[in-house]
Full PDB file with SEQRES, HELIX, SHEET, SSBOND, CRYST1, ORIGX, SCALE, CONECT and MASTER records, all heavy atoms in Angstrom:
SEQRES   1 A   40  VAL SER VAL GLY ALA GLN ILE VAL ASN LEU LEU ARG ALA          
SEQRES   2 A   40  LEU GLN ARG GLU HIS GLY LEU THR TYR LEU PHE ILE SER          
SEQRES   3 A   40  HIS SER MET PRO LEU VAL ARG TYR LEU SER THR ARG ILE          
SEQRES   4 A   40  ALA                                                          
HELIX    1 AA1 SER A    2  HIS A   18  1                                  17    
HELIX    2 AA2 MET A   29  LEU A   35  1                                   7    
CRYST1    1.000    1.000    1.000  90.00  90.00  90.00 P 1           1          
ORIGX1      1.000000  0.000000  0.000000        0.00000                         
ORIGX2      0.000000  1.000000  0.000000        0.00000                         
ORIGX3      0.000000  0.000000  1.000000        0.00000                         
SCALE1      1.000000  0.000000  0.000000        0.00000                         
SCALE2      0.000000  1.000000  0.000000        0.00000                         
SCALE3      0.000000  0.000000  1.000000        0.00000                         
ATOM      1  N   VAL A   1      94.434 107.484  89.264  1.00  0.00           N  
ATOM      2  CA  VAL A   1      93.029 107.085  89.254  1.00  0.00           C  
ATOM      3  C   VAL A   1      92.858 105.594  88.974  1.00  0.00           C  
ATOM      4  O   VAL A   1      92.065 104.915  89.636  1.00  0.00           O  
ATOM      5  CB  VAL A   1      92.242 107.928  88.224  1.00  0.00           C  
ATOM      6  CG1 VAL A   1      90.800 107.448  88.133  1.00  0.00           C  
ATOM      7  CG2 VAL A   1      92.279 109.407  88.603  1.00  0.00           C  
ATOM      8  N   SER A   2      93.585 105.051  88.016  1.00  0.00           N  
ATOM      9  CA  SER A   2      93.399 103.642  87.669  1.00  0.00           C  
ATOM     10  C   SER A   2      93.879 102.720  88.785  1.00  0.00           C  
ATOM     11  O   SER A   2      93.242 101.704  89.084  1.00  0.00           O  
ATOM     12  CB  SER A   2      94.124 103.311  86.362  1.00  0.00           C  
ATOM     13  OG  SER A   2      95.523 103.527  86.492  1.00  0.00           O  
ATOM     14  N   VAL A   3      94.999 103.073  89.431  1.00  0.00           N  
ATOM     15  CA  VAL A   3      95.496 102.274  90.555  1.00  0.00           C  
ATOM     16  C   VAL A   3      94.528 102.394  91.733  1.00  0.00           C  
ATOM     17  O   VAL A   3      94.237 101.405  92.421  1.00  0.00           O  
ATOM     18  CB  VAL A   3      96.917 102.711  90.962  1.00  0.00           C  
ATOM     19  CG1 VAL A   3      97.370 102.003  92.233  1.00  0.00           C  
ATOM     20  CG2 VAL A   3      97.898 102.426  89.833  1.00  0.00           C  
ATOM     21  N   GLY A   4      94.001 103.599  91.956  1.00  0.00           N  
ATOM     22  CA  GLY A   4      93.011 103.774  93.005  1.00  0.00           C  
ATOM     23  C   GLY A   4      91.783 102.901  92.787  1.00  0.00           C  
ATOM     24  O   GLY A   4      91.222 102.345  93.737  1.00  0.00           O  
ATOM     25  N   ALA A   5      91.370 102.755  91.537  1.00  0.00           N  
ATOM     26  CA  ALA A   5      90.223 101.899  91.224  1.00  0.00           C  
ATOM     27  C   ALA A   5      90.516 100.450  91.574  1.00  0.00           C  
ATOM     28  O   ALA A   5      89.641  99.727  92.076  1.00  0.00           O  
ATOM     29  CB  ALA A   5      89.871 102.028  89.747  1.00  0.00           C  
ATOM     30  N   GLN A   6      91.729 100.002  91.343  1.00  0.00           N  
ATOM     31  CA  GLN A   6      92.110  98.637  91.721  1.00  0.00           C  
ATOM     32  C   GLN A   6      92.014  98.438  93.228  1.00  0.00           C  
ATOM     33  O   GLN A   6      91.529  97.408  93.706  1.00  0.00           O  
ATOM     34  CB  GLN A   6      93.527  98.339  91.241  1.00  0.00           C  
ATOM     35  CG  GLN A   6      93.707  98.296  89.742  1.00  0.00           C  
ATOM     36  CD  GLN A   6      95.161  98.128  89.353  1.00  0.00           C  
ATOM     37  OE1 GLN A   6      95.927  97.489  90.060  1.00  0.00           O  
ATOM     38  NE2 GLN A   6      95.555  98.718  88.240  1.00  0.00           N  
ATOM     39  N   ILE A   7      92.483  99.427  93.994  1.00  0.00           N  
ATOM     40  CA  ILE A   7      92.444  99.315  95.452  1.00  0.00           C  
ATOM     41  C   ILE A   7      90.999  99.297  95.943  1.00  0.00           C  
ATOM     42  O   ILE A   7      90.641  98.532  96.849  1.00  0.00           O  
ATOM     43  CB  ILE A   7      93.229 100.473  96.101  1.00  0.00           C  
ATOM     44  CG1 ILE A   7      94.724 100.402  95.716  1.00  0.00           C  
ATOM     45  CG2 ILE A   7      93.065 100.452  97.619  1.00  0.00           C  
ATOM     46  CD1 ILE A   7      95.437  99.140  96.159  1.00  0.00           C  
ATOM     47  N   VAL A   8      90.145 100.118  95.357  1.00  0.00           N  
ATOM     48  CA  VAL A   8      88.733 100.136  95.750  1.00  0.00           C  
ATOM     49  C   VAL A   8      88.078  98.790  95.446  1.00  0.00           C  
ATOM     50  O   VAL A   8      87.300  98.259  96.254  1.00  0.00           O  
ATOM     51  CB  VAL A   8      87.993 101.284  95.054  1.00  0.00           C  
ATOM     52  CG1 VAL A   8      86.485 101.155  95.225  1.00  0.00           C  
ATOM     53  CG2 VAL A   8      88.457 102.624  95.609  1.00  0.00           C  
ATOM     54  N   ASN A   9      88.381  98.204  94.299  1.00  0.00           N  
ATOM     55  CA  ASN A   9      87.848  96.884  93.972  1.00  0.00           C  
ATOM     56  C   ASN A   9      88.332  95.836  94.966  1.00  0.00           C  
ATOM     57  O   ASN A   9      87.585  94.924  95.354  1.00  0.00           O  
ATOM     58  CB  ASN A   9      88.249  96.488  92.552  1.00  0.00           C  
ATOM     59  CG  ASN A   9      87.473  97.249  91.496  1.00  0.00           C  
ATOM     60  OD1 ASN A   9      86.382  97.731  91.754  1.00  0.00           O  
ATOM     61  ND2 ASN A   9      88.045  97.375  90.313  1.00  0.00           N  
ATOM     62  N   LEU A  10      89.596  95.956  95.377  1.00  0.00           N  
ATOM     63  CA  LEU A  10      90.143  95.047  96.390  1.00  0.00           C  
ATOM     64  C   LEU A  10      89.380  95.192  97.705  1.00  0.00           C  
ATOM     65  O   LEU A  10      89.014  94.199  98.350  1.00  0.00           O  
ATOM     66  CB  LEU A  10      91.627  95.337  96.602  1.00  0.00           C  
ATOM     67  CG  LEU A  10      92.299  94.605  97.775  1.00  0.00           C  
ATOM     68  CD1 LEU A  10      92.293  93.102  97.565  1.00  0.00           C  
ATOM     69  CD2 LEU A  10      93.728  95.111  97.977  1.00  0.00           C  
ATOM     70  N   LEU A  11      89.118  96.427  98.112  1.00  0.00           N  
ATOM     71  CA  LEU A  11      88.391  96.662  99.360  1.00  0.00           C  
ATOM     72  C   LEU A  11      86.986  96.060  99.312  1.00  0.00           C  
ATOM     73  O   LEU A  11      86.502  95.488 100.296  1.00  0.00           O  
ATOM     74  CB  LEU A  11      88.318  98.163  99.639  1.00  0.00           C  
ATOM     75  CG  LEU A  11      89.645  98.827 100.031  1.00  0.00           C  
ATOM     76  CD1 LEU A  11      89.498 100.347 100.014  1.00  0.00           C  
ATOM     77  CD2 LEU A  11      90.108  98.346 101.402  1.00  0.00           C  
ATOM     78  N   ARG A  12      86.338  96.163  98.167  1.00  0.00           N  
ATOM     79  CA  ARG A  12      84.998  95.567  98.024  1.00  0.00           C  
ATOM     80  C   ARG A  12      85.073  94.054  98.167  1.00  0.00           C  
ATOM     81  O   ARG A  12      84.226  93.439  98.834  1.00  0.00           O  
ATOM     82  CB  ARG A  12      84.399  95.930  96.665  1.00  0.00           C  
ATOM     83  CG  ARG A  12      84.017  97.384  96.515  1.00  0.00           C  
ATOM     84  CD  ARG A  12      83.245  97.632  95.238  1.00  0.00           C  
ATOM     85  NE  ARG A  12      81.874  97.127  95.334  1.00  0.00           N  
ATOM     86  CZ  ARG A  12      80.955  97.294  94.397  1.00  0.00           C  
ATOM     87  NH1 ARG A  12      81.252  97.930  93.277  1.00  0.00           N  
ATOM     88  NH2 ARG A  12      79.746  96.830  94.556  1.00  0.00           N  
ATOM     89  N   ALA A  13      86.075  93.439  97.554  1.00  0.00           N  
ATOM     90  CA  ALA A  13      86.212  91.985  97.630  1.00  0.00           C  
ATOM     91  C   ALA A  13      86.505  91.532  99.062  1.00  0.00           C  
ATOM     92  O   ALA A  13      85.946  90.538  99.543  1.00  0.00           O  
ATOM     93  CB  ALA A  13      87.324  91.520  96.685  1.00  0.00           C  
ATOM     94  N   LEU A  14      87.369  92.264  99.759  1.00  0.00           N  
ATOM     95  CA  LEU A  14      87.705  91.910 101.145  1.00  0.00           C  
ATOM     96  C   LEU A  14      86.490  92.061 102.057  1.00  0.00           C  
ATOM     97  O   LEU A  14      86.291  91.264 102.979  1.00  0.00           O  
ATOM     98  CB  LEU A  14      88.855  92.786 101.641  1.00  0.00           C  
ATOM     99  CG  LEU A  14      90.213  92.530 100.994  1.00  0.00           C  
ATOM    100  CD1 LEU A  14      91.204  93.620 101.388  1.00  0.00           C  
ATOM    101  CD2 LEU A  14      90.751  91.147 101.379  1.00  0.00           C  
ATOM    102  N   GLN A  15      85.678  93.076 101.798  1.00  0.00           N  
ATOM    103  CA  GLN A  15      84.483  93.263 102.618  1.00  0.00           C  
ATOM    104  C   GLN A  15      83.516  92.102 102.440  1.00  0.00           C  
ATOM    105  O   GLN A  15      82.948  91.596 103.426  1.00  0.00           O  
ATOM    106  CB  GLN A  15      83.798  94.581 102.255  1.00  0.00           C  
ATOM    107  CG  GLN A  15      82.596  94.898 103.152  1.00  0.00           C  
ATOM    108  CD  GLN A  15      82.010  96.264 102.858  1.00  0.00           C  
ATOM    109  OE1 GLN A  15      81.886  96.651 101.694  1.00  0.00           O  
ATOM    110  NE2 GLN A  15      81.657  97.003 103.885  1.00  0.00           N  
ATOM    111  N   ARG A  16      83.334  91.668 101.215  1.00  0.00           N  
ATOM    112  CA  ARG A  16      82.440  90.531 100.969  1.00  0.00           C  
ATOM    113  C   ARG A  16      82.972  89.264 101.646  1.00  0.00           C  
ATOM    114  O   ARG A  16      82.209  88.493 102.226  1.00  0.00           O  
ATOM    115  CB  ARG A  16      82.290  90.292  99.464  1.00  0.00           C  
ATOM    116  CG  ARG A  16      81.443  91.326  98.740  1.00  0.00           C  
ATOM    117  CD  ARG A  16      81.070  90.852  97.351  1.00  0.00           C  
ATOM    118  NE  ARG A  16      82.240  90.624  96.519  1.00  0.00           N  
ATOM    119  CZ  ARG A  16      82.780  91.539  95.719  1.00  0.00           C  
ATOM    120  NH1 ARG A  16      82.242  92.751  95.645  1.00  0.00           N  
ATOM    121  NH2 ARG A  16      83.840  91.257  94.983  1.00  0.00           N  
ATOM    122  N   GLU A  17      84.273  89.062 101.563  1.00  0.00           N  
ATOM    123  CA  GLU A  17      84.876  87.826 102.082  1.00  0.00           C  
ATOM    124  C   GLU A  17      84.860  87.768 103.601  1.00  0.00           C  
ATOM    125  O   GLU A  17      84.631  86.707 104.192  1.00  0.00           O  
ATOM    126  CB  GLU A  17      86.313  87.709 101.575  1.00  0.00           C  
ATOM    127  CG  GLU A  17      87.004  86.419 101.993  1.00  0.00           C  
ATOM    128  CD  GLU A  17      88.382  86.278 101.361  1.00  0.00           C  
ATOM    129  OE1 GLU A  17      88.733  87.094 100.490  1.00  0.00           O  
ATOM    130  OE2 GLU A  17      89.106  85.340 101.754  1.00  0.00           O  
ATOM    131  N   HIS A  18      85.100  88.896 104.249  1.00  0.00           N  
ATOM    132  CA  HIS A  18      85.285  88.904 105.706  1.00  0.00           C  
ATOM    133  C   HIS A  18      84.139  89.561 106.469  1.00  0.00           C  
ATOM    134  O   HIS A  18      84.191  89.625 107.705  1.00  0.00           O  
ATOM    135  CB  HIS A  18      86.592  89.617 106.058  1.00  0.00           C  
ATOM    136  CG  HIS A  18      87.811  88.941 105.521  1.00  0.00           C  
ATOM    137  ND1 HIS A  18      88.275  87.728 106.001  1.00  0.00           N  
ATOM    138  CD2 HIS A  18      88.670  89.294 104.526  1.00  0.00           C  
ATOM    139  CE1 HIS A  18      89.364  87.380 105.346  1.00  0.00           C  
ATOM    140  NE2 HIS A  18      89.626  88.306 104.437  1.00  0.00           N  
ATOM    141  N   GLY A  19      83.138  90.092 105.780  1.00  0.00           N  
ATOM    142  CA  GLY A  19      82.048  90.758 106.470  1.00  0.00           C  
ATOM    143  C   GLY A  19      82.475  92.021 107.188  1.00  0.00           C  
ATOM    144  O   GLY A  19      81.948  92.345 108.261  1.00  0.00           O  
ATOM    145  N   LEU A  20      83.408  92.745 106.606  1.00  0.00           N  
ATOM    146  CA  LEU A  20      83.962  93.935 107.246  1.00  0.00           C  
ATOM    147  C   LEU A  20      82.988  95.105 107.215  1.00  0.00           C  
ATOM    148  O   LEU A  20      82.117  95.192 106.340  1.00  0.00           O  
ATOM    149  CB  LEU A  20      85.250  94.349 106.541  1.00  0.00           C  
ATOM    150  CG  LEU A  20      86.441  93.382 106.672  1.00  0.00           C  
ATOM    151  CD1 LEU A  20      87.514  93.732 105.646  1.00  0.00           C  
ATOM    152  CD2 LEU A  20      87.012  93.426 108.075  1.00  0.00           C  
ATOM    153  N   THR A  21      83.165  95.996 108.171  1.00  0.00           N  
ATOM    154  CA  THR A  21      82.451  97.261 108.212  1.00  0.00           C  
ATOM    155  C   THR A  21      83.443  98.361 107.873  1.00  0.00           C  
ATOM    156  O   THR A  21      84.570  98.354 108.387  1.00  0.00           O  
ATOM    157  CB  THR A  21      81.860  97.507 109.613  1.00  0.00           C  
ATOM    158  OG1 THR A  21      81.027  96.404 109.966  1.00  0.00           O  
ATOM    159  CG2 THR A  21      81.061  98.806 109.655  1.00  0.00           C  
ATOM    160  N   TYR A  22      83.050  99.307 107.009  1.00  0.00           N  
ATOM    161  CA  TYR A  22      83.960 100.372 106.592  1.00  0.00           C  
ATOM    162  C   TYR A  22      83.398 101.751 106.934  1.00  0.00           C  
ATOM    163  O   TYR A  22      82.207 102.019 106.732  1.00  0.00           O  
ATOM    164  CB  TYR A  22      84.161 100.356 105.069  1.00  0.00           C  
ATOM    165  CG  TYR A  22      84.961  99.209 104.502  1.00  0.00           C  
ATOM    166  CD1 TYR A  22      84.831  98.868 103.148  1.00  0.00           C  
ATOM    167  CD2 TYR A  22      85.848  98.472 105.270  1.00  0.00           C  
ATOM    168  CE1 TYR A  22      85.567  97.839 102.590  1.00  0.00           C  
ATOM    169  CE2 TYR A  22      86.582  97.432 104.715  1.00  0.00           C  
ATOM    170  CZ  TYR A  22      86.434  97.115 103.385  1.00  0.00           C  
ATOM    171  OH  TYR A  22      87.161  96.096 102.830  1.00  0.00           O  
ATOM    172  N   LEU A  23      84.280 102.620 107.425  1.00  0.00           N  
ATOM    173  CA  LEU A  23      84.060 104.062 107.348  1.00  0.00           C  
ATOM    174  C   LEU A  23      85.008 104.552 106.280  1.00  0.00           C  
ATOM    175  O   LEU A  23      86.235 104.535 106.470  1.00  0.00           O  
ATOM    176  CB  LEU A  23      84.347 104.752 108.686  1.00  0.00           C  
ATOM    177  CG  LEU A  23      84.267 106.288 108.641  1.00  0.00           C  
ATOM    178  CD1 LEU A  23      82.871 106.763 108.268  1.00  0.00           C  
ATOM    179  CD2 LEU A  23      84.694 106.900 109.976  1.00  0.00           C  
ATOM    180  N   PHE A  24      84.454 104.953 105.143  1.00  0.00           N  
ATOM    181  CA  PHE A  24      85.266 105.320 103.980  1.00  0.00           C  
ATOM    182  C   PHE A  24      85.242 106.835 103.830  1.00  0.00           C  
ATOM    183  O   PHE A  24      84.197 107.424 103.522  1.00  0.00           O  
ATOM    184  CB  PHE A  24      84.723 104.646 102.722  1.00  0.00           C  
ATOM    185  CG  PHE A  24      85.576 104.869 101.504  1.00  0.00           C  
ATOM    186  CD1 PHE A  24      86.725 104.125 101.311  1.00  0.00           C  
ATOM    187  CD2 PHE A  24      85.231 105.823 100.561  1.00  0.00           C  
ATOM    188  CE1 PHE A  24      87.513 104.330 100.188  1.00  0.00           C  
ATOM    189  CE2 PHE A  24      86.011 106.032  99.444  1.00  0.00           C  
ATOM    190  CZ  PHE A  24      87.160 105.286  99.257  1.00  0.00           C  
ATOM    191  N   ILE A  25      86.382 107.473 104.059  1.00  0.00           N  
ATOM    192  CA  ILE A  25      86.489 108.931 104.060  1.00  0.00           C  
ATOM    193  C   ILE A  25      87.120 109.386 102.756  1.00  0.00           C  
ATOM    194  O   ILE A  25      88.168 108.870 102.346  1.00  0.00           O  
ATOM    195  CB  ILE A  25      87.343 109.400 105.252  1.00  0.00           C  
ATOM    196  CG1 ILE A  25      86.683 108.975 106.568  1.00  0.00           C  
ATOM    197  CG2 ILE A  25      87.561 110.906 105.224  1.00  0.00           C  
ATOM    198  CD1 ILE A  25      87.545 109.188 107.782  1.00  0.00           C  
ATOM    199  N   SER A  26      86.478 110.346 102.085  1.00  0.00           N  
ATOM    200  CA  SER A  26      86.984 110.804 100.798  1.00  0.00           C  
ATOM    201  C   SER A  26      86.406 112.177 100.479  1.00  0.00           C  
ATOM    202  O   SER A  26      85.397 112.597 101.043  1.00  0.00           O  
ATOM    203  CB  SER A  26      86.614 109.810  99.693  1.00  0.00           C  
ATOM    204  OG  SER A  26      87.067 110.250  98.431  1.00  0.00           O  
ATOM    205  N   HIS A  27      87.067 112.863  99.546  1.00  0.00           N  
ATOM    206  CA  HIS A  27      86.504 114.102  98.987  1.00  0.00           C  
ATOM    207  C   HIS A  27      85.798 113.828  97.666  1.00  0.00           C  
ATOM    208  O   HIS A  27      85.211 114.726  97.075  1.00  0.00           O  
ATOM    209  CB  HIS A  27      87.616 115.136  98.772  1.00  0.00           C  
ATOM    210  CG  HIS A  27      88.637 114.690  97.775  1.00  0.00           C  
ATOM    211  ND1 HIS A  27      89.714 113.891  98.115  1.00  0.00           N  
ATOM    212  CD2 HIS A  27      88.735 114.902  96.441  1.00  0.00           C  
ATOM    213  CE1 HIS A  27      90.429 113.648  97.027  1.00  0.00           C  
ATOM    214  NE2 HIS A  27      89.854 114.246  95.998  1.00  0.00           N  
ATOM    215  N   SER A  28      85.860 112.577  97.188  1.00  0.00           N  
ATOM    216  CA  SER A  28      85.328 112.218  95.872  1.00  0.00           C  
ATOM    217  C   SER A  28      83.955 111.573  95.997  1.00  0.00           C  
ATOM    218  O   SER A  28      83.827 110.437  96.466  1.00  0.00           O  
ATOM    219  CB  SER A  28      86.286 111.257  95.162  1.00  0.00           C  
ATOM    220  OG  SER A  28      85.685 110.688  94.019  1.00  0.00           O  
ATOM    221  N   MET A  29      82.918 112.266  95.570  1.00  0.00           N  
ATOM    222  CA  MET A  29      81.573 111.711  95.632  1.00  0.00           C  
ATOM    223  C   MET A  29      81.389 110.476  94.750  1.00  0.00           C  
ATOM    224  O   MET A  29      80.787 109.484  95.184  1.00  0.00           O  
ATOM    225  CB  MET A  29      80.549 112.786  95.274  1.00  0.00           C  
ATOM    226  CG  MET A  29      80.282 113.772  96.391  1.00  0.00           C  
ATOM    227  SD  MET A  29      79.447 113.023  97.807  1.00  0.00           S  
ATOM    228  CE  MET A  29      77.802 112.802  97.151  1.00  0.00           C  
ATOM    229  N   PRO A  30      81.858 110.458  93.486  1.00  0.00           N  
ATOM    230  CA  PRO A  30      81.694 109.243  92.683  1.00  0.00           C  
ATOM    231  C   PRO A  30      82.374 108.024  93.311  1.00  0.00           C  
ATOM    232  O   PRO A  30      81.837 106.922  93.261  1.00  0.00           O  
ATOM    233  CB  PRO A  30      82.350 109.623  91.348  1.00  0.00           C  
ATOM    234  CG  PRO A  30      82.224 111.105  91.284  1.00  0.00           C  
ATOM    235  CD  PRO A  30      82.416 111.576  92.689  1.00  0.00           C  
ATOM    236  N   LEU A  31      83.538 108.230  93.918  1.00  0.00           N  
ATOM    237  CA  LEU A  31      84.241 107.135  94.583  1.00  0.00           C  
ATOM    238  C   LEU A  31      83.454 106.630  95.780  1.00  0.00           C  
ATOM    239  O   LEU A  31      83.287 105.420  95.979  1.00  0.00           O  
ATOM    240  CB  LEU A  31      85.628 107.615  95.016  1.00  0.00           C  
ATOM    241  CG  LEU A  31      86.565 106.593  95.654  1.00  0.00           C  
ATOM    242  CD1 LEU A  31      86.816 105.438  94.709  1.00  0.00           C  
ATOM    243  CD2 LEU A  31      87.872 107.262  96.048  1.00  0.00           C  
ATOM    244  N   VAL A  32      82.946 107.549  96.584  1.00  0.00           N  
ATOM    245  CA  VAL A  32      82.154 107.178  97.756  1.00  0.00           C  
ATOM    246  C   VAL A  32      80.875 106.459  97.331  1.00  0.00           C  
ATOM    247  O   VAL A  32      80.471 105.461  97.931  1.00  0.00           O  
ATOM    248  CB  VAL A  32      81.845 108.434  98.598  1.00  0.00           C  
ATOM    249  CG1 VAL A  32      80.798 108.131  99.656  1.00  0.00           C  
ATOM    250  CG2 VAL A  32      83.116 108.951  99.257  1.00  0.00           C  
ATOM    251  N   ARG A  33      80.238 106.941  96.276  1.00  0.00           N  
ATOM    252  CA  ARG A  33      79.012 106.298  95.774  1.00  0.00           C  
ATOM    253  C   ARG A  33      79.286 104.859  95.351  1.00  0.00           C  
ATOM    254  O   ARG A  33      78.467 103.957  95.604  1.00  0.00           O  
ATOM    255  CB  ARG A  33      78.463 107.089  94.581  1.00  0.00           C  
ATOM    256  CG  ARG A  33      77.214 106.451  93.953  1.00  0.00           C  
ATOM    257  CD  ARG A  33      76.736 107.272  92.765  1.00  0.00           C  
ATOM    258  NE  ARG A  33      77.749 107.366  91.725  1.00  0.00           N  
ATOM    259  CZ  ARG A  33      77.703 108.194  90.692  1.00  0.00           C  
ATOM    260  NH1 ARG A  33      76.687 109.037  90.571  1.00  0.00           N  
ATOM    261  NH2 ARG A  33      78.657 108.210  89.792  1.00  0.00           N  
ATOM    262  N   TYR A  34      80.427 104.627  94.741  1.00  0.00           N  
ATOM    263  CA  TYR A  34      80.778 103.301  94.239  1.00  0.00           C  
ATOM    264  C   TYR A  34      80.944 102.286  95.369  1.00  0.00           C  
ATOM    265  O   TYR A  34      80.554 101.128  95.246  1.00  0.00           O  
ATOM    266  CB  TYR A  34      82.068 103.409  93.419  1.00  0.00           C  
ATOM    267  CG  TYR A  34      82.556 102.109  92.832  1.00  0.00           C  
ATOM    268  CD1 TYR A  34      81.925 101.534  91.736  1.00  0.00           C  
ATOM    269  CD2 TYR A  34      83.672 101.461  93.371  1.00  0.00           C  
ATOM    270  CE1 TYR A  34      82.377 100.351  91.187  1.00  0.00           C  
ATOM    271  CE2 TYR A  34      84.141 100.276  92.830  1.00  0.00           C  
ATOM    272  CZ  TYR A  34      83.486  99.719  91.741  1.00  0.00           C  
ATOM    273  OH  TYR A  34      83.936  98.548  91.209  1.00  0.00           O  
ATOM    274  N   LEU A  35      81.503 102.720  96.496  1.00  0.00           N  
ATOM    275  CA  LEU A  35      81.857 101.790  97.562  1.00  0.00           C  
ATOM    276  C   LEU A  35      80.846 101.758  98.703  1.00  0.00           C  
ATOM    277  O   LEU A  35      80.763 100.764  99.424  1.00  0.00           O  
ATOM    278  CB  LEU A  35      83.241 102.156  98.122  1.00  0.00           C  
ATOM    279  CG  LEU A  35      83.903 101.149  99.058  1.00  0.00           C  
ATOM    280  CD1 LEU A  35      84.176  99.840  98.332  1.00  0.00           C  
ATOM    281  CD2 LEU A  35      85.209 101.700  99.613  1.00  0.00           C  
ATOM    282  N   SER A  36      80.063 102.819  98.884  1.00  0.00           N  
ATOM    283  CA  SER A  36      79.311 102.998 100.124  1.00  0.00           C  
ATOM    284  C   SER A  36      77.865 102.517 100.045  1.00  0.00           C  
ATOM    285  O   SER A  36      77.236 102.542  98.991  1.00  0.00           O  
ATOM    286  CB  SER A  36      79.311 104.476 100.522  1.00  0.00           C  
ATOM    287  OG  SER A  36      80.632 104.941 100.690  1.00  0.00           O  
ATOM    288  N   THR A  37      77.345 102.120 101.204  1.00  0.00           N  
ATOM    289  CA  THR A  37      75.932 101.830 101.378  1.00  0.00           C  
ATOM    290  C   THR A  37      75.169 103.125 101.605  1.00  0.00           C  
ATOM    291  O   THR A  37      74.122 103.365 101.001  1.00  0.00           O  
ATOM    292  CB  THR A  37      75.728 100.905 102.600  1.00  0.00           C  
ATOM    293  OG1 THR A  37      76.676  99.838 102.559  1.00  0.00           O  
ATOM    294  CG2 THR A  37      74.311 100.358 102.625  1.00  0.00           C  
ATOM    295  N   ARG A  38      75.696 103.956 102.514  1.00  0.00           N  
ATOM    296  CA  ARG A  38      75.123 105.261 102.816  1.00  0.00           C  
ATOM    297  C   ARG A  38      76.231 106.317 102.757  1.00  0.00           C  
ATOM    298  O   ARG A  38      77.414 105.995 102.871  1.00  0.00           O  
ATOM    299  CB  ARG A  38      74.485 105.280 104.220  1.00  0.00           C  
ATOM    300  CG  ARG A  38      73.245 104.411 104.341  1.00  0.00           C  
ATOM    301  CD  ARG A  38      72.605 104.551 105.717  1.00  0.00           C  
ATOM    302  NE  ARG A  38      73.504 104.122 106.775  1.00  0.00           N  
ATOM    303  CZ  ARG A  38      73.959 104.904 107.760  1.00  0.00           C  
ATOM    304  NH1 ARG A  38      73.604 106.197 107.801  1.00  0.00           N  
ATOM    305  NH2 ARG A  38      74.759 104.424 108.679  1.00  0.00           N  
ATOM    306  N   ILE A  39      75.819 107.565 102.602  1.00  0.00           N  
ATOM    307  CA  ILE A  39      76.767 108.672 102.506  1.00  0.00           C  
ATOM    308  C   ILE A  39      76.368 109.754 103.513  1.00  0.00           C  
ATOM    309  O   ILE A  39      75.187 110.058 103.672  1.00  0.00           O  
ATOM    310  CB  ILE A  39      76.801 109.269 101.090  1.00  0.00           C  
ATOM    311  CG1 ILE A  39      77.368 108.254 100.094  1.00  0.00           C  
ATOM    312  CG2 ILE A  39      77.633 110.552 101.047  1.00  0.00           C  
ATOM    313  CD1 ILE A  39      77.325 108.716  98.647  1.00  0.00           C  
ATOM    314  N   ALA A  40      77.379 110.306 104.186  1.00  0.00           N  
ATOM    315  CA  ALA A  40      77.192 111.466 105.055  1.00  0.00           C  
ATOM    316  C   ALA A  40      78.111 112.572 104.544  1.00  0.00           C  
ATOM    317  O   ALA A  40      79.302 112.343 104.322  1.00  0.00           O  
ATOM    318  CB  ALA A  40      77.536 111.108 106.501  1.00  0.00           C  
TER     319      ALA A  40                                                      
MASTER        0    0    0    2    0    0    0    6  318    1    0    4          
END                                                                             
């Protein structure tokens, strides 16, 4: 979990820097809420 949190923080930083678009697939609602603009 703690290493996963580091990777998620990295993904957020890369998105801000490069203007990336993400489709983030997960079974974890709290994780998806943390990273996502919208949820399906």
